[in-house]
Amino acid sequence: MSQGIFLVLFLIFIILFVWLLKIYFSAMKISLKLNKKLKETGKISEKYFDSINYTKMRLPWGSFSKNYDNFYDEDDTEKIKEIKSLAILTIKKFNKILIFVLLDVFILILVVFLR
C-alpha cells in the first residue's frame, strides 16, 4: 500500500518537476529578450549584473513581490511592456507550480519516513 502511494507521489513529482523546468527555460528566453531590449534602449549596459540590479531596484522582493507596478517605467516602449508583462505572468506561474512541487516533496518525505 505505501509503495503504491510512494510511486504515485513520485510520478506526480516527476511530472511537476518537468513542467517547472519547462517554465524555467521559457522564463530564461523571456529574460534574454528583455535584456536585449533594455540594452538597445540604454537602460542597462553590457554587464551581467546590471540586469539584476535593474530588476532588484524595481522588485525588492524579487519574484515574490506582490506589487509589480514598479517594474514598468514610464518611458518603456510597447514591446518592452509586453515582454515585462509576459515575464510577470511566467514568474507567477512558476511560483504556483513551485509550491506544488515543494508540497509533493514534503509529502514524499513523510511517506518515506513514516513507513
Protein backbone atom coordinates (compact mmCIF):
# COMPACT_ATOMS: atom_id res chain seq x y z
CA MET A 1 0.00 0.00 0.00
CA SER A 2 2.69 2.52 0.97
CA GLN A 3 4.77 1.57 -2.09
CA GLY A 4 1.84 2.40 -4.34
CA ILE A 5 1.37 5.75 -2.64
CA PHE A 6 5.08 6.44 -2.96
CA LEU A 7 5.10 5.59 -6.68
CA VAL A 8 2.08 7.79 -7.39
CA LEU A 9 3.58 10.70 -5.46
CA PHE A 10 6.92 10.22 -7.19
CA LEU A 11 5.22 10.21 -10.60
CA ILE A 12 3.40 13.42 -9.69
CA PHE A 13 6.71 14.92 -8.57
CA ILE A 14 8.42 14.00 -11.85
CA ILE A 15 5.57 15.48 -13.92
CA LEU A 16 5.50 18.71 -11.90
CA PHE A 17 9.29 19.00 -11.93
CA VAL A 18 9.46 18.62 -15.73
CA TRP A 19 6.70 21.21 -16.05
CA LEU A 20 8.66 23.51 -13.74
CA LEU A 21 11.80 23.09 -15.84
CA LYS A 22 9.85 23.90 -19.00
CA ILE A 23 8.56 27.12 -17.46
CA TYR A 24 12.04 27.96 -16.17
CA PHE A 25 13.60 27.65 -19.62
CA SER A 26 10.83 29.74 -21.18
CA ALA A 27 11.44 32.36 -18.47
CA MET A 28 15.13 32.39 -19.37
CA LYS A 29 14.23 33.10 -23.01
CA ILE A 30 11.94 35.93 -21.92
CA SER A 31 14.68 37.33 -19.70
CA LEU A 32 17.15 37.29 -22.59
CA LYS A 33 14.65 39.13 -24.81
CA LEU A 34 14.04 41.71 -22.09
CA ASN A 35 17.76 42.24 -21.50
CA LYS A 36 18.32 42.69 -25.24
CA LYS A 37 15.56 45.31 -25.47
CA LEU A 38 16.78 47.12 -22.36
CA LYS A 39 20.33 47.20 -23.74
CA GLU A 40 19.01 48.62 -27.03
CA THR A 41 17.25 51.45 -25.19
CA GLY A 42 20.28 52.10 -22.97
CA LYS A 43 18.59 51.32 -19.65
CA ILE A 44 21.25 48.75 -18.79
CA SER A 45 24.81 48.34 -20.00
CA GLU A 46 26.53 45.22 -21.29
CA LYS A 47 27.43 43.98 -17.81
CA TYR A 48 25.60 40.95 -16.44
CA PHE A 49 24.88 42.38 -13.01
CA ASP A 50 23.23 45.50 -14.43
CA SER A 51 20.15 43.50 -15.40
CA ILE A 52 19.99 42.02 -11.89
CA ASN A 53 20.32 45.48 -10.33
CA TYR A 54 17.66 46.83 -12.71
CA THR A 55 15.22 44.17 -11.52
CA LYS A 56 16.23 44.48 -7.85
CA MET A 57 15.58 48.23 -7.85
CA ARG A 58 12.07 47.71 -9.19
CA LEU A 59 11.16 44.48 -7.39
CA PRO A 60 12.87 44.46 -3.97
CA TRP A 61 11.35 41.09 -3.07
CA GLY A 62 12.25 39.56 -6.42
CA SER A 63 9.73 37.13 -7.83
CA PHE A 64 7.83 37.06 -4.52
CA SER A 65 6.77 40.71 -4.83
CA LYS A 66 3.05 41.32 -4.57
CA ASN A 67 3.05 44.60 -6.48
CA TYR A 68 4.61 44.54 -9.93
CA ASP A 69 3.67 48.13 -10.84
CA ASN A 70 7.20 49.37 -10.08
CA PHE A 71 8.56 47.01 -12.74
CA TYR A 72 7.21 49.24 -15.51
CA ASP A 73 8.89 52.52 -16.45
CA GLU A 74 7.07 55.50 -17.94
CA ASP A 75 9.32 55.58 -20.99
CA ASP A 76 9.02 51.86 -21.81
CA THR A 77 8.03 51.03 -25.36
CA GLU A 78 5.05 48.79 -26.03
CA LYS A 79 7.37 45.89 -26.88
CA ILE A 80 9.20 46.22 -23.55
CA LYS A 81 5.89 46.45 -21.65
CA GLU A 82 4.68 43.34 -23.44
CA ILE A 83 7.85 41.41 -22.56
CA LYS A 84 7.69 42.59 -18.94
CA SER A 85 4.04 41.50 -18.69
CA LEU A 86 4.95 38.11 -20.11
CA ALA A 87 7.81 37.85 -17.61
CA ILE A 88 5.48 38.65 -14.70
CA LEU A 89 2.94 36.04 -15.81
CA THR A 90 5.68 33.45 -16.15
CA ILE A 91 7.04 34.30 -12.69
CA LYS A 92 3.59 33.91 -11.13
CA LYS A 93 3.02 30.58 -12.89
CA PHE A 94 6.47 29.36 -11.82
CA ASN A 95 5.82 30.26 -8.18
CA LYS A 96 2.48 28.43 -8.13
CA ILE A 97 3.95 25.24 -9.56
CA LEU A 98 6.97 25.52 -7.27
CA ILE A 99 4.63 25.46 -4.26
CA PHE A 100 3.03 22.24 -5.52
CA VAL A 101 6.44 20.65 -6.18
CA LEU A 102 7.64 21.51 -2.68
CA LEU A 103 4.39 20.23 -1.18
CA ASP A 104 4.76 16.97 -3.09
CA VAL A 105 8.37 16.59 -1.92
CA PHE A 106 7.27 17.20 1.67
CA ILE A 107 4.56 14.54 1.38
CA LEU A 108 7.07 12.14 -0.21
CA ILE A 109 9.43 12.65 2.72
CA LEU A 110 6.61 11.99 5.17
CA VAL A 111 5.59 8.81 3.35
CA VAL A 112 9.16 7.50 3.31
CA PHE A 113 9.93 8.26 6.94
CA LEU A 114 6.57 7.26 8.41
CA ARG A 115 6.57 3.77 6.91
